[in-house]
Amino acid sequence: MPEGRSALARIAFGLAALALAAVVAGPVLIHAGVAAPLTGFRIFSYGLLASLPALVLSLAAIARTRGPGRQPGRRRALQAALVSGSLAALLAALAVPARHVPAIHDVTTDPDDPPGFSQTARDAGAAAASAYPPENAAL
């Protein structure tokens, strides 16, 4: 029987391939200077997140192609499960250690030696707009 008769397996494989392409493309576009860093990171993140429904669909496709006479599409479903499972594992590997890192807005600087804001110093009106109100000095 010809491979690829399972529509569910084809959809799962297509989504897994799209997720893999996004995970690879995000950093490559940033490095090539084609995409801004935040845009490339979003592409990378969307690819990792797309691996989750691809994994669910591929597992469903594996279940649907189980048994005698239902083998067409099984190889494609297994390939989709391998790709999407690998990307989901990468997502977990990145997310689990991040639970123990403080939120980015929770990072403070030394108030006795604050960092210089060179861009603010260059903009004439920005320096006045970024000044702290005197009533917040006691905080």
N, C-alpha and C. Protein backbone atom coordinates (compact mmCIF):
# COMPACT_ATOMS: atom_id res chain seq x y z
N MET A 1 0.84 -1.18 0.00
CA MET A 1 0.00 0.00 0.00
C MET A 1 0.88 1.24 0.00
N PRO A 2 0.50 2.28 -0.68
CA PRO A 2 1.32 3.49 -0.72
C PRO A 2 1.30 4.22 0.63
N GLU A 3 2.43 4.82 0.93
CA GLU A 3 2.58 5.56 2.19
C GLU A 3 1.83 6.89 2.10
N GLY A 4 1.30 7.36 3.19
CA GLY A 4 0.75 8.71 3.26
C GLY A 4 -0.73 8.82 3.03
N ARG A 5 -1.50 7.75 3.20
CA ARG A 5 -2.94 7.84 3.00
C ARG A 5 -3.69 8.41 4.19
N SER A 6 -3.06 8.51 5.31
CA SER A 6 -3.72 9.04 6.49
C SER A 6 -3.64 10.57 6.48
N ALA A 7 -4.79 11.20 6.37
CA ALA A 7 -4.83 12.67 6.37
C ALA A 7 -4.35 13.21 7.71
N LEU A 8 -4.69 12.54 8.78
CA LEU A 8 -4.26 12.99 10.11
C LEU A 8 -2.74 12.94 10.23
N ALA A 9 -2.13 11.91 9.69
CA ALA A 9 -0.67 11.80 9.73
C ALA A 9 -0.03 12.89 8.88
N ARG A 10 -0.63 13.19 7.72
CA ARG A 10 -0.09 14.26 6.87
C ARG A 10 -0.20 15.62 7.55
N ILE A 11 -1.30 15.87 8.21
CA ILE A 11 -1.48 17.15 8.91
C ILE A 11 -0.50 17.26 10.07
N ALA A 12 -0.36 16.18 10.83
CA ALA A 12 0.58 16.18 11.96
C ALA A 12 2.00 16.40 11.47
N PHE A 13 2.36 15.74 10.38
CA PHE A 13 3.72 15.90 9.85
C PHE A 13 3.93 17.32 9.32
N GLY A 14 2.93 17.87 8.66
CA GLY A 14 3.04 19.24 8.15
C GLY A 14 3.21 20.25 9.27
N LEU A 15 2.45 20.09 10.35
CA LEU A 15 2.57 21.00 11.49
C LEU A 15 3.91 20.82 12.19
N ALA A 16 4.37 19.59 12.30
CA ALA A 16 5.68 19.35 12.92
C ALA A 16 6.80 19.94 12.08
N ALA A 17 6.69 19.82 10.75
CA ALA A 17 7.70 20.40 9.86
C ALA A 17 7.68 21.92 9.93
N LEU A 18 6.49 22.51 10.01
CA LEU A 18 6.37 23.96 10.15
C LEU A 18 6.97 24.43 11.47
N ALA A 19 6.72 23.68 12.54
CA ALA A 19 7.28 24.02 13.85
C ALA A 19 8.81 23.95 13.81
N LEU A 20 9.34 22.91 13.19
CA LEU A 20 10.79 22.78 13.09
C LEU A 20 11.39 23.92 12.26
N ALA A 21 10.72 24.27 11.18
CA ALA A 21 11.20 25.37 10.33
C ALA A 21 11.23 26.68 11.11
N ALA A 22 10.21 26.92 11.93
CA ALA A 22 10.17 28.16 12.72
C ALA A 22 11.26 28.17 13.79
N VAL A 23 11.49 27.03 14.43
CA VAL A 23 12.53 26.96 15.47
C VAL A 23 13.91 27.21 14.87
N VAL A 24 14.14 26.74 13.67
CA VAL A 24 15.42 26.96 13.01
C VAL A 24 15.50 28.38 12.44
N ALA A 25 14.41 28.84 11.83
CA ALA A 25 14.41 30.13 11.13
C ALA A 25 14.57 31.31 12.08
N GLY A 26 13.98 31.27 13.26
CA GLY A 26 14.05 32.40 14.18
C GLY A 26 15.48 32.84 14.47
N PRO A 27 16.33 31.96 15.01
CA PRO A 27 17.71 32.36 15.28
C PRO A 27 18.52 32.69 14.02
N VAL A 28 18.24 31.96 12.92
CA VAL A 28 18.98 32.23 11.68
C VAL A 28 18.65 33.63 11.16
N LEU A 29 17.38 34.01 11.21
CA LEU A 29 16.99 35.35 10.75
C LEU A 29 17.60 36.45 11.61
N ILE A 30 17.69 36.20 12.91
CA ILE A 30 18.33 37.17 13.80
C ILE A 30 19.81 37.30 13.45
N HIS A 31 20.47 36.17 13.32
CA HIS A 31 21.91 36.17 13.04
C HIS A 31 22.22 36.81 11.69
N ALA A 32 21.34 36.62 10.71
CA ALA A 32 21.56 37.19 9.38
C ALA A 32 21.21 38.67 9.33
N GLY A 33 20.60 39.18 10.38
CA GLY A 33 20.23 40.59 10.41
C GLY A 33 18.94 40.88 9.66
N VAL A 34 18.20 39.85 9.29
CA VAL A 34 16.96 40.02 8.54
C VAL A 34 15.81 40.37 9.49
N ALA A 35 15.82 39.81 10.67
CA ALA A 35 14.75 40.04 11.64
C ALA A 35 15.33 40.68 12.90
N ALA A 36 14.52 41.50 13.52
CA ALA A 36 14.88 42.07 14.82
C ALA A 36 14.96 40.94 15.84
N PRO A 37 15.76 41.09 16.89
CA PRO A 37 15.89 40.02 17.87
C PRO A 37 14.56 39.57 18.47
N LEU A 38 13.68 40.50 18.80
CA LEU A 38 12.41 40.10 19.40
C LEU A 38 11.54 39.36 18.39
N THR A 39 11.56 39.76 17.13
CA THR A 39 10.80 39.06 16.10
C THR A 39 11.32 37.64 15.90
N GLY A 40 12.62 37.49 15.83
CA GLY A 40 13.21 36.16 15.69
C GLY A 40 12.91 35.28 16.88
N PHE A 41 12.92 35.87 18.07
CA PHE A 41 12.60 35.09 19.27
C PHE A 41 11.14 34.65 19.25
N ARG A 42 10.26 35.52 18.77
CA ARG A 42 8.84 35.14 18.66
C ARG A 42 8.66 33.99 17.68
N ILE A 43 9.34 34.06 16.54
CA ILE A 43 9.25 32.97 15.56
C ILE A 43 9.72 31.67 16.19
N PHE A 44 10.84 31.71 16.90
CA PHE A 44 11.38 30.55 17.60
C PHE A 44 10.37 30.03 18.63
N SER A 45 9.79 30.93 19.40
CA SER A 45 8.83 30.54 20.45
C SER A 45 7.57 29.94 19.86
N TYR A 46 7.06 30.54 18.79
CA TYR A 46 5.85 30.01 18.15
C TYR A 46 6.12 28.61 17.59
N GLY A 47 7.32 28.40 17.09
CA GLY A 47 7.68 27.06 16.61
C GLY A 47 7.67 26.04 17.73
N LEU A 48 8.24 26.41 18.87
CA LEU A 48 8.22 25.48 20.01
C LEU A 48 6.79 25.22 20.48
N LEU A 49 5.98 26.24 20.53
CA LEU A 49 4.59 26.05 20.97
C LEU A 49 3.79 25.24 19.96
N ALA A 50 4.07 25.40 18.67
CA ALA A 50 3.36 24.63 17.64
C ALA A 50 3.70 23.15 17.71
N SER A 51 4.80 22.82 18.35
CA SER A 51 5.15 21.40 18.47
C SER A 51 4.19 20.64 19.38
N LEU A 52 3.53 21.34 20.28
CA LEU A 52 2.62 20.67 21.21
C LEU A 52 1.37 20.12 20.50
N PRO A 53 0.63 20.93 19.73
CA PRO A 53 -0.49 20.33 19.00
C PRO A 53 -0.03 19.33 17.93
N ALA A 54 1.15 19.54 17.36
CA ALA A 54 1.69 18.58 16.39
C ALA A 54 1.93 17.24 17.07
N LEU A 55 2.41 17.27 18.30
CA LEU A 55 2.64 16.02 19.04
C LEU A 55 1.32 15.31 19.32
N VAL A 56 0.32 16.06 19.73
CA VAL A 56 -1.00 15.46 20.00
C VAL A 56 -1.57 14.84 18.73
N LEU A 57 -1.50 15.58 17.62
CA LEU A 57 -2.01 15.05 16.35
C LEU A 57 -1.23 13.83 15.89
N SER A 58 0.08 13.85 16.08
CA SER A 58 0.88 12.70 15.64
C SER A 58 0.58 11.47 16.49
N LEU A 59 0.36 11.64 17.77
CA LEU A 59 -0.01 10.50 18.62
C LEU A 59 -1.38 9.96 18.23
N ALA A 60 -2.30 10.86 17.89
CA ALA A 60 -3.61 10.42 17.40
C ALA A 60 -3.48 9.69 16.07
N ALA A 61 -2.59 10.15 15.20
CA ALA A 61 -2.37 9.49 13.91
C ALA A 61 -1.74 8.12 14.10
N ILE A 62 -0.86 8.00 15.07
CA ILE A 62 -0.27 6.68 15.36
C ILE A 62 -1.35 5.72 15.82
N ALA A 63 -2.24 6.21 16.68
CA ALA A 63 -3.34 5.37 17.16
C ALA A 63 -4.29 4.99 16.02
N ARG A 64 -4.53 5.92 15.11
CA ARG A 64 -5.45 5.65 13.99
C ARG A 64 -4.86 4.69 12.97
N THR A 65 -3.55 4.65 12.84
CA THR A 65 -2.92 3.78 11.85
C THR A 65 -2.45 2.46 12.46
N ARG A 66 -2.91 2.16 13.65
CA ARG A 66 -2.54 0.93 14.33
C ARG A 66 -3.42 -0.21 13.84
N GLY A 67 -2.86 -1.36 13.78
CA GLY A 67 -3.64 -2.55 13.42
C GLY A 67 -3.45 -2.94 11.97
N PRO A 68 -3.88 -4.16 11.65
CA PRO A 68 -3.72 -4.66 10.28
C PRO A 68 -4.63 -3.90 9.31
N GLY A 69 -4.09 -3.62 8.14
CA GLY A 69 -4.86 -2.94 7.12
C GLY A 69 -4.94 -1.43 7.29
N ARG A 70 -4.34 -0.89 8.34
CA ARG A 70 -4.40 0.55 8.58
C ARG A 70 -3.00 1.15 8.62
N GLN A 71 -2.05 0.46 8.01
CA GLN A 71 -0.67 0.89 8.06
C GLN A 71 -0.34 2.12 7.22
N PRO A 72 -1.03 2.42 6.12
CA PRO A 72 -0.65 3.60 5.34
C PRO A 72 -0.69 4.87 6.19
N GLY A 73 0.39 5.59 6.17
CA GLY A 73 0.49 6.81 6.96
C GLY A 73 1.19 6.62 8.28
N ARG A 74 1.42 5.38 8.67
CA ARG A 74 2.04 5.11 9.97
C ARG A 74 3.46 5.69 10.05
N ARG A 75 4.24 5.52 8.99
CA ARG A 75 5.61 6.05 8.99
C ARG A 75 5.59 7.57 9.11
N ARG A 76 4.69 8.21 8.40
CA ARG A 76 4.58 9.67 8.46
C ARG A 76 4.16 10.11 9.87
N ALA A 77 3.28 9.38 10.51
CA ALA A 77 2.85 9.69 11.88
C ALA A 77 4.00 9.53 12.86
N LEU A 78 4.81 8.49 12.67
CA LEU A 78 5.96 8.29 13.55
C LEU A 78 7.00 9.39 13.35
N GLN A 79 7.21 9.80 12.11
CA GLN A 79 8.14 10.91 11.85
C GLN A 79 7.66 12.19 12.51
N ALA A 80 6.36 12.45 12.40
CA ALA A 80 5.79 13.65 13.03
C ALA A 80 5.95 13.59 14.55
N ALA A 81 5.74 12.41 15.11
CA ALA A 81 5.90 12.26 16.57
C ALA A 81 7.35 12.47 16.99
N LEU A 82 8.29 11.99 16.19
CA LEU A 82 9.70 12.17 16.51
C LEU A 82 10.10 13.64 16.47
N VAL A 83 9.70 14.36 15.42
CA VAL A 83 10.06 15.77 15.28
C VAL A 83 9.37 16.60 16.36
N SER A 84 8.05 16.43 16.49
CA SER A 84 7.32 17.26 17.46
C SER A 84 7.68 16.88 18.90
N GLY A 85 7.95 15.62 19.15
CA GLY A 85 8.39 15.21 20.49
C GLY A 85 9.74 15.80 20.86
N SER A 86 10.64 15.86 19.88
CA SER A 86 11.95 16.47 20.13
C SER A 86 11.82 17.95 20.43
N LEU A 87 10.96 18.64 19.68
CA LEU A 87 10.76 20.07 19.92
C LEU A 87 10.05 20.31 21.26
N ALA A 88 9.12 19.45 21.61
CA ALA A 88 8.46 19.58 22.91
C ALA A 88 9.44 19.33 24.05
N ALA A 89 10.37 18.41 23.85
CA ALA A 89 11.41 18.17 24.86
C ALA A 89 12.32 19.38 24.99
N LEU A 90 12.63 20.02 23.86
CA LEU A 90 13.43 21.24 23.91
C LEU A 90 12.68 22.34 24.67
N LEU A 91 11.38 22.46 24.41
CA LEU A 91 10.57 23.44 25.14
C LEU A 91 10.61 23.17 26.64
N ALA A 92 10.46 21.91 27.03
CA ALA A 92 10.52 21.57 28.46
C ALA A 92 11.90 21.84 29.04
N ALA A 93 12.94 21.53 28.27
CA ALA A 93 14.31 21.75 28.75
C ALA A 93 14.59 23.23 28.95
N LEU A 94 13.96 24.08 28.16
CA LEU A 94 14.15 25.52 28.33
C LEU A 94 13.24 26.09 29.41
N ALA A 95 12.06 25.52 29.57
CA ALA A 95 11.08 26.09 30.51
C ALA A 95 11.32 25.68 31.95
N VAL A 96 11.74 24.46 32.18
CA VAL A 96 11.89 23.98 33.57
C VAL A 96 12.94 24.79 34.34
N PRO A 97 14.15 25.01 33.82
CA PRO A 97 15.11 25.81 34.59
C PRO A 97 14.67 27.27 34.74
N ALA A 98 13.87 27.76 33.83
CA ALA A 98 13.43 29.15 33.90
C ALA A 98 12.49 29.40 35.08
N ARG A 99 11.92 28.35 35.63
CA ARG A 99 11.04 28.51 36.79
C ARG A 99 11.80 29.03 38.01
N HIS A 100 13.09 28.80 38.07
CA HIS A 100 13.88 29.18 39.24
C HIS A 100 14.62 30.51 39.05
N VAL A 101 14.35 31.20 37.96
CA VAL A 101 14.99 32.47 37.67
C VAL A 101 13.97 33.57 37.96
N PRO A 102 14.38 34.66 38.59
CA PRO A 102 13.41 35.72 38.88
C PRO A 102 12.89 36.35 37.59
N ALA A 103 11.70 36.89 37.68
CA ALA A 103 11.12 37.60 36.53
C ALA A 103 12.03 38.76 36.16
N ILE A 104 12.04 39.10 34.90
CA ILE A 104 12.98 40.12 34.44
C ILE A 104 12.71 41.47 35.09
N HIS A 105 11.47 41.76 35.42
CA HIS A 105 11.18 43.04 36.06
C HIS A 105 11.57 43.04 37.54
N ASP A 106 11.97 41.88 38.06
CA ASP A 106 12.33 41.76 39.46
C ASP A 106 13.82 42.03 39.69
N VAL A 107 14.57 42.27 38.63
CA VAL A 107 16.00 42.52 38.75
C VAL A 107 16.22 43.98 39.13
N THR A 108 17.05 44.23 40.13
CA THR A 108 17.31 45.59 40.57
C THR A 108 18.78 45.92 40.37
N THR A 109 19.08 47.21 40.43
CA THR A 109 20.47 47.65 40.32
C THR A 109 20.90 48.25 41.64
N ASP A 110 22.16 48.52 41.75
CA ASP A 110 22.70 49.14 42.94
C ASP A 110 22.29 50.61 42.95
N PRO A 111 21.48 51.06 43.91
CA PRO A 111 21.03 52.46 43.91
C PRO A 111 22.17 53.45 44.15
N ASP A 112 23.27 52.99 44.73
CA ASP A 112 24.40 53.90 44.95
C ASP A 112 25.23 54.12 43.69
N ASP A 113 25.13 53.18 42.75
CA ASP A 113 25.88 53.28 41.50
C ASP A 113 24.99 52.83 40.34
N PRO A 114 23.96 53.62 39.99
CA PRO A 114 23.04 53.19 38.94
C PRO A 114 23.71 53.22 37.56
N PRO A 115 23.18 52.43 36.62
CA PRO A 115 23.77 52.44 35.28
C PRO A 115 23.46 53.76 34.57
N GLY A 116 24.32 54.15 33.67
CA GLY A 116 24.10 55.36 32.90
C GLY A 116 23.16 55.10 31.74
N PHE A 117 22.32 56.06 31.46
CA PHE A 117 21.39 55.95 30.35
C PHE A 117 21.86 56.89 29.26
N SER A 118 22.71 56.38 28.39
CA SER A 118 23.34 57.23 27.38
C SER A 118 22.35 57.74 26.35
N GLN A 119 21.33 56.95 25.98
CA GLN A 119 20.35 57.41 24.99
C GLN A 119 19.52 58.55 25.57
N THR A 120 19.16 58.46 26.84
CA THR A 120 18.39 59.52 27.49
C THR A 120 19.19 60.81 27.53
N ALA A 121 20.48 60.68 27.75
CA ALA A 121 21.33 61.87 27.81
C ALA A 121 21.42 62.56 26.45
N ARG A 122 21.30 61.79 25.37
CA ARG A 122 21.37 62.38 24.03
C ARG A 122 20.07 63.05 23.61
N ASP A 123 18.95 62.59 24.13
CA ASP A 123 17.66 63.18 23.78
C ASP A 123 17.35 64.32 24.73
N ALA A 124 17.14 65.51 24.18
CA ALA A 124 16.94 66.70 25.01
C ALA A 124 15.69 66.59 25.89
N GLY A 125 14.57 66.24 25.32
CA GLY A 125 13.32 66.20 26.08
C GLY A 125 13.16 64.95 26.92
N ALA A 126 13.89 63.90 26.60
CA ALA A 126 13.72 62.64 27.31
C ALA A 126 14.27 62.69 28.73
N ALA A 127 15.30 63.49 28.97
CA ALA A 127 15.88 63.55 30.31
C ALA A 127 14.87 64.08 31.31
N ALA A 128 14.12 65.12 30.94
CA ALA A 128 13.12 65.66 31.86
C ALA A 128 11.96 64.70 32.05
N ALA A 129 11.59 63.98 30.99
CA ALA A 129 10.47 63.05 31.08
C ALA A 129 10.81 61.82 31.91
N SER A 130 12.08 61.46 32.00
CA SER A 130 12.45 60.26 32.73
C SER A 130 12.87 60.54 34.17
N ALA A 131 12.78 61.77 34.61
CA ALA A 131 13.16 62.11 35.99
C ALA A 131 12.14 61.54 36.96
N TYR A 132 12.64 61.07 38.09
CA TYR A 132 11.75 60.54 39.11
C TYR A 132 11.10 61.69 39.88
N PRO A 133 9.84 61.53 40.24
CA PRO A 133 9.22 62.55 41.08
C PRO A 133 9.87 62.57 42.45
N PRO A 134 10.04 63.76 43.04
CA PRO A 134 10.73 63.86 44.35
C PRO A 134 10.05 63.06 45.44
N GLU A 135 8.74 62.87 45.37
CA GLU A 135 8.04 62.11 46.44
C GLU A 135 8.42 60.62 46.41
N ASN A 136 8.99 60.14 45.32
CA ASN A 136 9.41 58.74 45.25
C ASN A 136 10.86 58.55 45.71
N ALA A 137 11.54 59.60 46.07
CA ALA A 137 12.95 59.50 46.48
C ALA A 137 13.12 58.71 47.76
N ALA A 138 12.14 58.71 48.63
CA ALA A 138 12.26 58.00 49.90
C ALA A 138 12.11 56.49 49.72
N LEU A 139 11.59 56.04 48.59
CA LEU A 139 11.42 54.61 48.38
C LEU A 139 12.76 54.02 48.19
